[in-house]
N, C-alpha and C. Protein backbone atom coordinates (compact mmCIF):
# COMPACT_ATOMS: atom_id res chain seq x y z
N MET A 1 101.10 90.59 95.65
CA MET A 1 100.10 89.60 96.00
C MET A 1 99.94 88.63 94.83
N SER A 2 100.02 87.38 95.11
CA SER A 2 99.91 86.35 94.10
C SER A 2 98.57 85.64 94.24
N LEU A 3 97.70 85.82 93.27
CA LEU A 3 96.39 85.19 93.32
C LEU A 3 96.50 83.68 93.36
N PHE A 4 97.31 83.12 92.49
CA PHE A 4 97.39 81.67 92.37
C PHE A 4 98.19 81.05 93.52
N GLY A 5 99.35 81.62 93.84
CA GLY A 5 100.16 81.10 94.94
C GLY A 5 99.45 81.20 96.28
N ASP A 6 98.86 82.37 96.55
CA ASP A 6 98.13 82.55 97.80
C ASP A 6 96.89 81.66 97.85
N GLY A 7 96.24 81.48 96.70
CA GLY A 7 95.06 80.61 96.64
C GLY A 7 95.41 79.17 96.95
N LEU A 8 96.54 78.69 96.43
CA LEU A 8 96.97 77.33 96.73
C LEU A 8 97.31 77.19 98.22
N ASP A 9 97.95 78.22 98.80
CA ASP A 9 98.26 78.18 100.23
C ASP A 9 96.99 78.14 101.07
N ARG A 10 95.99 78.95 100.71
CA ARG A 10 94.72 78.95 101.45
C ARG A 10 94.01 77.60 101.37
N ALA A 11 94.10 76.95 100.21
CA ALA A 11 93.48 75.64 100.05
C ALA A 11 94.12 74.62 100.99
N VAL A 12 95.43 74.65 101.08
CA VAL A 12 96.13 73.72 101.97
C VAL A 12 95.84 74.05 103.43
N GLN A 13 95.71 75.34 103.75
CA GLN A 13 95.42 75.73 105.13
C GLN A 13 94.03 75.29 105.56
N GLY A 14 93.16 75.02 104.61
CA GLY A 14 91.83 74.50 104.94
C GLY A 14 91.90 73.11 105.53
N ALA A 15 93.03 72.43 105.39
CA ALA A 15 93.20 71.08 105.93
C ALA A 15 93.69 71.09 107.38
N PHE A 16 93.97 72.26 107.95
CA PHE A 16 94.47 72.32 109.32
C PHE A 16 93.48 71.66 110.27
N THR A 17 94.00 70.93 111.25
CA THR A 17 93.13 70.26 112.22
C THR A 17 92.89 71.11 113.47
N ARG A 18 93.74 72.10 113.68
CA ARG A 18 93.58 73.02 114.81
C ARG A 18 93.77 74.43 114.31
N PRO A 19 93.06 75.39 114.94
CA PRO A 19 93.27 76.79 114.53
C PRO A 19 94.62 77.30 115.03
N ILE A 20 95.15 78.31 114.35
CA ILE A 20 96.41 78.90 114.80
C ILE A 20 96.16 79.65 116.11
N PRO A 21 97.20 79.88 116.92
CA PRO A 21 97.01 80.62 118.17
C PRO A 21 96.42 82.00 117.90
N LYS A 22 95.55 82.45 118.79
CA LYS A 22 94.83 83.71 118.57
C LYS A 22 95.56 84.92 119.14
N SER A 23 96.08 84.82 120.34
CA SER A 23 96.70 86.00 120.97
C SER A 23 98.10 86.24 120.41
N ALA A 24 98.52 87.50 120.48
CA ALA A 24 99.84 87.86 119.99
C ALA A 24 100.93 87.17 120.80
N GLY A 25 100.73 87.03 122.10
CA GLY A 25 101.71 86.37 122.95
C GLY A 25 101.88 84.90 122.58
N ALA A 26 100.76 84.22 122.36
CA ALA A 26 100.81 82.80 121.99
C ALA A 26 101.46 82.63 120.61
N GLN A 27 101.13 83.52 119.68
CA GLN A 27 101.74 83.46 118.36
C GLN A 27 103.25 83.69 118.45
N MET A 28 103.65 84.66 119.27
CA MET A 28 105.07 84.97 119.42
C MET A 28 105.80 83.79 120.07
N ARG A 29 105.21 83.19 121.09
CA ARG A 29 105.83 82.03 121.73
C ARG A 29 105.99 80.87 120.74
N TYR A 30 105.00 80.68 119.89
CA TYR A 30 105.09 79.62 118.88
C TYR A 30 106.25 79.89 117.93
N LEU A 31 106.38 81.13 117.46
CA LEU A 31 107.48 81.46 116.55
C LEU A 31 108.83 81.31 117.23
N VAL A 32 108.92 81.72 118.48
CA VAL A 32 110.20 81.60 119.21
C VAL A 32 110.58 80.12 119.31
N LYS A 33 109.61 79.27 119.57
CA LYS A 33 109.88 77.84 119.66
C LYS A 33 110.29 77.28 118.30
N GLN A 34 109.60 77.69 117.23
CA GLN A 34 109.90 77.19 115.89
C GLN A 34 111.26 77.67 115.38
N LEU A 35 111.57 78.93 115.61
CA LEU A 35 112.81 79.51 115.10
C LEU A 35 113.96 79.43 116.09
N LYS A 36 113.69 78.88 117.28
CA LYS A 36 114.70 78.62 118.30
C LYS A 36 115.40 79.88 118.80
N GLY A 37 114.61 80.91 119.06
CA GLY A 37 115.20 82.10 119.66
C GLY A 37 114.47 83.37 119.30
N THR A 38 114.62 84.35 120.20
CA THR A 38 113.94 85.63 120.00
C THR A 38 114.63 86.48 118.93
N ARG A 39 115.92 86.32 118.76
CA ARG A 39 116.64 87.13 117.77
C ARG A 39 116.15 86.80 116.35
N ALA A 40 115.96 85.52 116.06
CA ALA A 40 115.48 85.11 114.73
C ALA A 40 114.07 85.64 114.47
N VAL A 41 113.23 85.61 115.49
CA VAL A 41 111.85 86.11 115.34
C VAL A 41 111.88 87.62 115.11
N ALA A 42 112.72 88.31 115.86
CA ALA A 42 112.84 89.77 115.69
C ALA A 42 113.27 90.11 114.26
N GLY A 43 114.23 89.38 113.75
CA GLY A 43 114.69 89.62 112.38
C GLY A 43 113.60 89.31 111.36
N LEU A 44 112.85 88.26 111.59
CA LEU A 44 111.77 87.88 110.68
C LEU A 44 110.67 88.93 110.63
N LEU A 45 110.31 89.46 111.79
CA LEU A 45 109.19 90.40 111.87
C LEU A 45 109.61 91.86 111.73
N GLY A 46 110.91 92.13 111.80
CA GLY A 46 111.39 93.51 111.67
C GLY A 46 111.15 94.34 112.91
N ILE A 47 111.27 93.72 114.08
CA ILE A 47 111.12 94.43 115.35
C ILE A 47 112.32 94.10 116.22
N SER A 48 112.42 94.75 117.37
CA SER A 48 113.58 94.51 118.23
C SER A 48 113.41 93.21 119.01
N GLN A 49 114.53 92.68 119.44
CA GLN A 49 114.53 91.45 120.22
C GLN A 49 113.81 91.68 121.56
N ARG A 50 113.98 92.84 122.13
CA ARG A 50 113.32 93.18 123.40
C ARG A 50 111.80 93.21 123.24
N THR A 51 111.32 93.69 122.11
CA THR A 51 109.88 93.71 121.86
C THR A 51 109.34 92.29 121.78
N VAL A 52 110.07 91.40 121.13
CA VAL A 52 109.66 90.00 121.07
C VAL A 52 109.58 89.43 122.47
N GLU A 53 110.58 89.70 123.32
CA GLU A 53 110.58 89.20 124.69
C GLU A 53 109.38 89.72 125.48
N ARG A 54 109.01 90.96 125.24
CA ARG A 54 107.86 91.54 125.95
C ARG A 54 106.55 90.89 125.50
N TYR A 55 106.44 90.55 124.22
CA TYR A 55 105.25 89.82 123.76
C TYR A 55 105.21 88.42 124.36
N VAL A 56 106.36 87.75 124.43
CA VAL A 56 106.42 86.40 124.98
C VAL A 56 105.96 86.39 126.44
N LYS A 57 106.33 87.43 127.21
CA LYS A 57 105.94 87.52 128.62
C LYS A 57 104.56 88.15 128.81
N ASP A 58 103.86 88.42 127.72
CA ASP A 58 102.53 89.06 127.75
C ASP A 58 102.56 90.44 128.38
N GLN A 59 103.69 91.15 128.29
CA GLN A 59 103.75 92.53 128.75
C GLN A 59 103.14 93.46 127.71
N ILE A 60 103.16 93.04 126.46
CA ILE A 60 102.47 93.75 125.38
C ILE A 60 101.43 92.76 124.85
N ARG A 61 100.21 93.23 124.70
CA ARG A 61 99.14 92.32 124.29
C ARG A 61 98.60 92.59 122.90
N ARG A 62 98.61 93.82 122.47
CA ARG A 62 98.00 94.17 121.19
C ARG A 62 99.03 94.82 120.26
N PRO A 63 99.41 94.10 119.22
CA PRO A 63 100.38 94.67 118.28
C PRO A 63 99.71 95.66 117.32
N ARG A 64 100.54 96.50 116.70
CA ARG A 64 100.04 97.38 115.65
C ARG A 64 99.43 96.51 114.55
N ALA A 65 98.58 97.10 113.73
CA ALA A 65 97.88 96.34 112.69
C ALA A 65 98.84 95.68 111.71
N ASP A 66 99.89 96.42 111.28
CA ASP A 66 100.83 95.84 110.32
C ASP A 66 101.64 94.70 110.94
N LEU A 67 102.04 94.87 112.20
CA LEU A 67 102.78 93.81 112.89
C LEU A 67 101.88 92.61 113.15
N ALA A 68 100.62 92.86 113.50
CA ALA A 68 99.69 91.76 113.74
C ALA A 68 99.53 90.90 112.49
N GLN A 69 99.46 91.54 111.33
CA GLN A 69 99.32 90.81 110.07
C GLN A 69 100.58 90.02 109.75
N ARG A 70 101.75 90.64 109.92
CA ARG A 70 103.02 89.93 109.67
C ARG A 70 103.17 88.74 110.62
N LEU A 71 102.79 88.94 111.88
CA LEU A 71 102.88 87.89 112.88
C LEU A 71 101.97 86.72 112.52
N GLU A 72 100.73 87.02 112.18
CA GLU A 72 99.78 85.96 111.81
C GLU A 72 100.23 85.23 110.56
N ASP A 73 100.74 85.95 109.58
CA ASP A 73 101.22 85.32 108.34
C ASP A 73 102.40 84.40 108.62
N ALA A 74 103.32 84.84 109.48
CA ALA A 74 104.49 84.03 109.81
C ALA A 74 104.09 82.74 110.53
N VAL A 75 103.12 82.85 111.45
CA VAL A 75 102.65 81.66 112.16
C VAL A 75 101.92 80.73 111.19
N ARG A 76 101.07 81.29 110.36
CA ARG A 76 100.28 80.48 109.41
C ARG A 76 101.19 79.72 108.44
N GLN A 77 102.30 80.32 108.02
CA GLN A 77 103.24 79.65 107.11
C GLN A 77 103.89 78.44 107.76
N ARG A 78 104.04 78.45 109.07
CA ARG A 78 104.75 77.38 109.76
C ARG A 78 103.83 76.43 110.51
N TRP A 79 102.54 76.69 110.52
CA TRP A 79 101.58 75.93 111.33
C TRP A 79 101.31 74.56 110.71
N GLN A 80 101.38 73.53 111.50
CA GLN A 80 101.09 72.15 111.16
C GLN A 80 101.72 71.70 109.83
N PRO A 81 103.03 71.65 109.78
CA PRO A 81 103.69 71.29 108.52
C PRO A 81 103.39 69.87 108.05
N ARG A 82 103.21 68.93 108.96
CA ARG A 82 102.92 67.55 108.54
C ARG A 82 101.50 67.43 107.99
N VAL A 83 100.55 68.14 108.59
CA VAL A 83 99.18 68.14 108.08
C VAL A 83 99.15 68.78 106.69
N ARG A 84 99.88 69.87 106.54
CA ARG A 84 99.97 70.57 105.26
C ARG A 84 100.56 69.65 104.18
N GLU A 85 101.63 68.96 104.50
CA GLU A 85 102.27 68.07 103.54
C GLU A 85 101.38 66.89 103.18
N ARG A 86 100.68 66.33 104.16
CA ARG A 86 99.78 65.21 103.90
C ARG A 86 98.64 65.64 102.98
N ALA A 87 98.09 66.83 103.18
CA ALA A 87 96.99 67.33 102.33
C ALA A 87 97.48 67.53 100.90
N ARG A 88 98.67 68.09 100.75
CA ARG A 88 99.22 68.31 99.41
C ARG A 88 99.49 66.98 98.71
N ARG A 89 100.04 66.02 99.44
CA ARG A 89 100.35 64.71 98.87
C ARG A 89 99.07 63.99 98.44
N GLN A 90 98.03 64.08 99.27
CA GLN A 90 96.76 63.43 98.94
C GLN A 90 96.14 64.07 97.69
N ALA A 91 96.17 65.39 97.59
CA ALA A 91 95.62 66.07 96.41
C ALA A 91 96.42 65.70 95.16
N ALA A 92 97.72 65.55 95.31
CA ALA A 92 98.59 65.27 94.16
C ALA A 92 98.54 63.81 93.73
N THR A 93 98.06 62.92 94.59
CA THR A 93 98.08 61.50 94.23
C THR A 93 96.70 60.90 94.05
N SER A 94 95.68 61.42 94.75
CA SER A 94 94.40 60.73 94.66
C SER A 94 93.18 61.63 94.48
N THR A 95 93.07 62.74 95.19
CA THR A 95 91.82 63.50 95.17
C THR A 95 91.78 64.62 94.15
N GLY A 96 92.91 65.18 93.78
CA GLY A 96 92.93 66.30 92.85
C GLY A 96 92.62 67.61 93.57
N ILE A 97 92.29 68.63 92.79
CA ILE A 97 92.05 69.96 93.34
C ILE A 97 90.86 70.58 92.61
N ILE A 98 90.06 71.34 93.34
CA ILE A 98 88.90 72.01 92.75
C ILE A 98 89.25 73.47 92.53
N ILE A 99 88.96 73.96 91.33
CA ILE A 99 89.19 75.36 91.00
C ILE A 99 87.83 76.02 90.77
N ASP A 100 87.60 77.12 91.46
CA ASP A 100 86.42 77.95 91.23
C ASP A 100 86.94 79.30 90.76
N THR A 101 86.61 79.67 89.52
CA THR A 101 87.15 80.90 88.97
C THR A 101 86.14 81.63 88.11
N ARG A 102 86.31 82.92 88.08
CA ARG A 102 85.58 83.77 87.13
C ARG A 102 86.66 84.56 86.41
N ALA A 103 86.79 84.27 85.11
CA ALA A 103 87.88 84.87 84.34
C ALA A 103 87.50 84.89 82.86
N ARG A 104 88.34 85.56 82.10
CA ARG A 104 88.14 85.62 80.65
C ARG A 104 88.94 84.47 80.03
N PHE A 105 88.23 83.69 79.24
CA PHE A 105 88.87 82.58 78.54
C PHE A 105 88.82 82.86 77.05
N GLY A 106 89.96 82.80 76.40
CA GLY A 106 90.07 82.93 74.96
C GLY A 106 90.76 81.68 74.44
N PHE A 107 90.76 81.52 73.14
CA PHE A 107 91.26 80.28 72.58
C PHE A 107 92.15 80.55 71.38
N THR A 108 93.05 79.65 71.15
CA THR A 108 93.83 79.62 69.92
C THR A 108 93.39 78.33 69.25
N ALA A 109 92.68 78.46 68.15
CA ALA A 109 92.12 77.27 67.49
C ALA A 109 92.29 77.41 65.98
N ALA A 110 91.78 76.42 65.28
CA ALA A 110 91.86 76.41 63.82
C ALA A 110 91.08 77.58 63.23
N LEU A 111 91.46 77.98 62.02
CA LEU A 111 90.76 79.07 61.34
C LEU A 111 89.31 78.69 61.10
N GLY A 112 88.44 79.70 61.19
CA GLY A 112 87.03 79.48 60.94
C GLY A 112 86.23 79.08 62.16
N THR A 113 86.88 78.95 63.31
CA THR A 113 86.15 78.60 64.53
C THR A 113 85.96 79.85 65.37
N THR A 114 85.04 79.79 66.32
CA THR A 114 84.82 80.94 67.19
C THR A 114 85.84 80.90 68.30
N ASP A 115 86.64 81.91 68.38
CA ASP A 115 87.67 81.96 69.42
C ASP A 115 87.61 83.27 70.19
N ASP A 116 86.45 83.91 70.20
CA ASP A 116 86.31 85.16 70.95
C ASP A 116 86.38 84.88 72.44
N ALA A 117 87.17 85.68 73.12
CA ALA A 117 87.29 85.53 74.56
C ALA A 117 86.04 86.06 75.24
N ARG A 118 85.63 85.39 76.32
CA ARG A 118 84.49 85.87 77.09
C ARG A 118 84.65 85.45 78.54
N ILE A 119 83.96 86.17 79.42
CA ILE A 119 84.01 85.88 80.85
C ILE A 119 83.18 84.62 81.13
N ARG A 120 83.76 83.72 81.88
CA ARG A 120 83.05 82.49 82.29
C ARG A 120 83.30 82.28 83.77
N HIS A 121 82.31 81.68 84.41
CA HIS A 121 82.46 81.26 85.80
C HIS A 121 82.49 79.74 85.79
N LEU A 122 83.62 79.16 86.18
CA LEU A 122 83.79 77.71 86.16
C LEU A 122 84.16 77.20 87.54
N THR A 123 83.57 76.08 87.90
CA THR A 123 83.96 75.34 89.09
C THR A 123 84.20 73.91 88.64
N LEU A 124 85.46 73.52 88.65
CA LEU A 124 85.84 72.21 88.11
C LEU A 124 86.82 71.50 89.02
N ALA A 125 86.73 70.18 89.01
CA ALA A 125 87.70 69.35 89.72
C ALA A 125 88.78 68.93 88.73
N LEU A 126 90.00 69.33 89.03
CA LEU A 126 91.13 68.92 88.19
C LEU A 126 91.70 67.61 88.72
N PRO A 127 92.14 66.73 87.83
CA PRO A 127 92.73 65.46 88.26
C PRO A 127 94.00 65.66 89.08
N PRO A 128 94.40 64.62 89.81
CA PRO A 128 95.58 64.73 90.68
C PRO A 128 96.86 65.16 89.97
N GLN A 129 97.05 64.77 88.71
CA GLN A 129 98.30 65.15 88.05
C GLN A 129 98.42 66.66 87.89
N TYR A 130 97.31 67.37 87.72
CA TYR A 130 97.38 68.83 87.62
C TYR A 130 97.63 69.46 88.99
N ALA A 131 97.06 68.87 90.04
CA ALA A 131 97.33 69.35 91.39
C ALA A 131 98.82 69.17 91.70
N ALA A 132 99.37 68.02 91.33
CA ALA A 132 100.79 67.76 91.56
C ALA A 132 101.65 68.77 90.81
N ARG A 133 101.30 69.05 89.57
CA ARG A 133 102.08 70.00 88.79
C ARG A 133 102.01 71.41 89.38
N LEU A 134 100.82 71.81 89.84
CA LEU A 134 100.68 73.13 90.46
C LEU A 134 101.51 73.23 91.74
N PHE A 135 101.43 72.23 92.60
CA PHE A 135 102.19 72.26 93.85
C PHE A 135 103.69 72.19 93.60
N ASP A 136 104.11 71.36 92.65
CA ASP A 136 105.54 71.26 92.32
C ASP A 136 106.06 72.59 91.78
N ALA A 137 105.28 73.22 90.91
CA ALA A 137 105.70 74.51 90.36
C ALA A 137 105.77 75.57 91.45
N GLN A 138 104.81 75.55 92.36
CA GLN A 138 104.82 76.52 93.46
C GLN A 138 106.06 76.30 94.34
N ASP A 139 106.37 75.05 94.63
CA ASP A 139 107.55 74.74 95.44
C ASP A 139 108.84 75.17 94.74
N ALA A 140 108.85 75.09 93.42
CA ALA A 140 110.04 75.46 92.65
C ALA A 140 110.15 76.97 92.45
N GLY A 141 109.18 77.73 92.97
CA GLY A 141 109.24 79.18 92.87
C GLY A 141 108.70 79.73 91.56
N ALA A 142 107.70 79.06 91.00
CA ALA A 142 107.12 79.50 89.73
C ALA A 142 106.47 80.88 89.89
N THR A 143 106.46 81.62 88.82
CA THR A 143 105.84 82.94 88.82
C THR A 143 104.33 82.80 88.72
N GLU A 144 103.65 83.91 88.96
CA GLU A 144 102.19 83.95 88.84
C GLU A 144 101.76 83.52 87.43
N GLN A 145 102.48 83.98 86.43
CA GLN A 145 102.15 83.67 85.04
C GLN A 145 102.30 82.17 84.76
N GLN A 146 103.32 81.54 85.31
CA GLN A 146 103.53 80.11 85.11
C GLN A 146 102.43 79.30 85.78
N LEU A 147 102.04 79.69 87.00
CA LEU A 147 100.94 79.00 87.69
C LEU A 147 99.64 79.18 86.92
N ARG A 148 99.42 80.37 86.39
CA ARG A 148 98.22 80.63 85.59
C ARG A 148 98.22 79.74 84.34
N GLY A 149 99.37 79.57 83.72
CA GLY A 149 99.47 78.71 82.55
C GLY A 149 99.15 77.26 82.86
N LEU A 150 99.64 76.77 84.00
CA LEU A 150 99.34 75.40 84.40
C LEU A 150 97.85 75.22 84.68
N ALA A 151 97.25 76.21 85.35
CA ALA A 151 95.81 76.13 85.62
C ALA A 151 95.02 76.17 84.32
N ALA A 152 95.44 77.02 83.38
CA ALA A 152 94.76 77.10 82.09
C ALA A 152 94.87 75.78 81.34
N GLU A 153 96.02 75.16 81.42
CA GLU A 153 96.20 73.87 80.77
C GLU A 153 95.26 72.82 81.36
N GLY A 154 95.14 72.80 82.68
CA GLY A 154 94.24 71.86 83.34
C GLY A 154 92.78 72.13 83.01
N LEU A 155 92.38 73.40 83.04
CA LEU A 155 91.01 73.75 82.71
C LEU A 155 90.70 73.45 81.25
N GLY A 156 91.67 73.69 80.39
CA GLY A 156 91.48 73.38 78.97
C GLY A 156 91.27 71.90 78.74
N GLU A 157 92.04 71.08 79.42
CA GLU A 157 91.92 69.63 79.25
C GLU A 157 90.60 69.10 79.82
N VAL A 158 90.24 69.55 81.01
CA VAL A 158 89.06 69.00 81.67
C VAL A 158 87.77 69.57 81.10
N TYR A 159 87.70 70.86 80.90
CA TYR A 159 86.44 71.50 80.51
C TYR A 159 86.29 71.66 79.00
N PHE A 160 87.27 72.26 78.37
CA PHE A 160 87.12 72.59 76.96
C PHE A 160 87.39 71.41 76.03
N ARG A 161 88.39 70.60 76.34
CA ARG A 161 88.70 69.45 75.48
C ARG A 161 88.06 68.18 76.00
N ASP A 162 87.46 68.23 77.17
CA ASP A 162 86.73 67.09 77.77
C ASP A 162 87.57 65.82 77.77
N GLY A 163 88.77 65.94 78.24
CA GLY A 163 89.65 64.77 78.35
C GLY A 163 90.07 64.19 77.02
N GLY A 164 90.10 65.00 75.96
CA GLY A 164 90.54 64.53 74.65
C GLY A 164 89.40 64.07 73.75
N ARG A 165 88.14 64.21 74.20
CA ARG A 165 87.02 63.77 73.39
C ARG A 165 86.55 64.80 72.38
N ARG A 166 86.97 66.06 72.54
CA ARG A 166 86.55 67.09 71.59
C ARG A 166 87.58 68.21 71.55
N ALA A 167 87.42 69.10 70.61
CA ALA A 167 88.25 70.31 70.47
C ALA A 167 89.74 70.01 70.49
N HIS A 168 90.16 69.08 69.66
CA HIS A 168 91.58 68.71 69.59
C HIS A 168 92.41 69.90 69.14
N GLY A 169 93.53 70.13 69.76
CA GLY A 169 94.43 71.21 69.39
C GLY A 169 94.04 72.57 69.93
N LEU A 170 92.98 72.64 70.73
CA LEU A 170 92.54 73.91 71.29
C LEU A 170 93.46 74.33 72.43
N GLU A 171 94.01 75.52 72.35
CA GLU A 171 94.85 76.07 73.41
C GLU A 171 94.05 77.16 74.12
N VAL A 172 93.99 77.09 75.44
CA VAL A 172 93.18 77.99 76.24
C VAL A 172 94.03 79.12 76.78
N GLU A 173 93.53 80.35 76.67
CA GLU A 173 94.16 81.52 77.27
C GLU A 173 93.33 81.93 78.47
N PHE A 174 93.96 82.07 79.61
CA PHE A 174 93.30 82.33 80.90
C PHE A 174 93.72 83.72 81.34
N THR A 175 92.89 84.74 81.12
CA THR A 175 93.26 86.12 81.42
C THR A 175 92.17 86.81 82.22
N ASP A 176 92.45 88.03 82.65
CA ASP A 176 91.49 88.87 83.38
C ASP A 176 90.81 88.11 84.50
N VAL A 177 91.58 87.51 85.38
CA VAL A 177 91.03 86.72 86.47
C VAL A 177 90.38 87.66 87.49
N GLU A 178 89.07 87.54 87.65
CA GLU A 178 88.34 88.35 88.62
C GLU A 178 88.32 87.67 89.99
N HIS A 179 88.28 86.35 89.96
CA HIS A 179 88.15 85.58 91.20
C HIS A 179 88.72 84.20 90.97
N ILE A 180 89.46 83.67 91.94
CA ILE A 180 89.92 82.29 91.87
C ILE A 180 90.06 81.74 93.27
N GLU A 181 89.56 80.53 93.48
CA GLU A 181 89.69 79.82 94.75
C GLU A 181 90.05 78.39 94.45
N PHE A 182 90.89 77.84 95.28
CA PHE A 182 91.27 76.43 95.17
C PHE A 182 90.75 75.73 96.41
N GLU A 183 90.39 74.47 96.24
CA GLU A 183 89.94 73.66 97.38
C GLU A 183 90.45 72.24 97.19
N LEU A 184 90.89 71.63 98.27
CA LEU A 184 91.39 70.26 98.17
C LEU A 184 90.28 69.28 98.39
């Protein structure tokens, strides 16, 4: 489970204009249409092609809990791709991204300064360039640690260094994340 990657995905999903299909049959029909066949859906979900066909015809209505979750996740990943792309582009070019987090922040600073790490709860709007960097890194397959580093860099610039007006040379360490949410 990736806190940062999943959080960015949830933020983009908040831009959906319609809810995803609710029933298992409707979700299965959507996947069959998107993947152009029952065999591809069966391979994606790890079930037989015949089972997919039975869901499509509404002969089976309630999937097992693990299959229901895989099915919903697969639909959610493919739902409204143009809306998803437009929301990401807007965040990366004009609106930025809001981060709400409770985590331990420590610092690397000059000798003689207080750099003890402590838990802070921050809700900040990051400028569009940081949203663009986060989304680009996610698209490039960045690890959880790399996404965390980019978020720390953005939080350091906006909150701790106040856009270059104070704390020059301060490097922020973003660890022990208890909670993180992104919003576009």
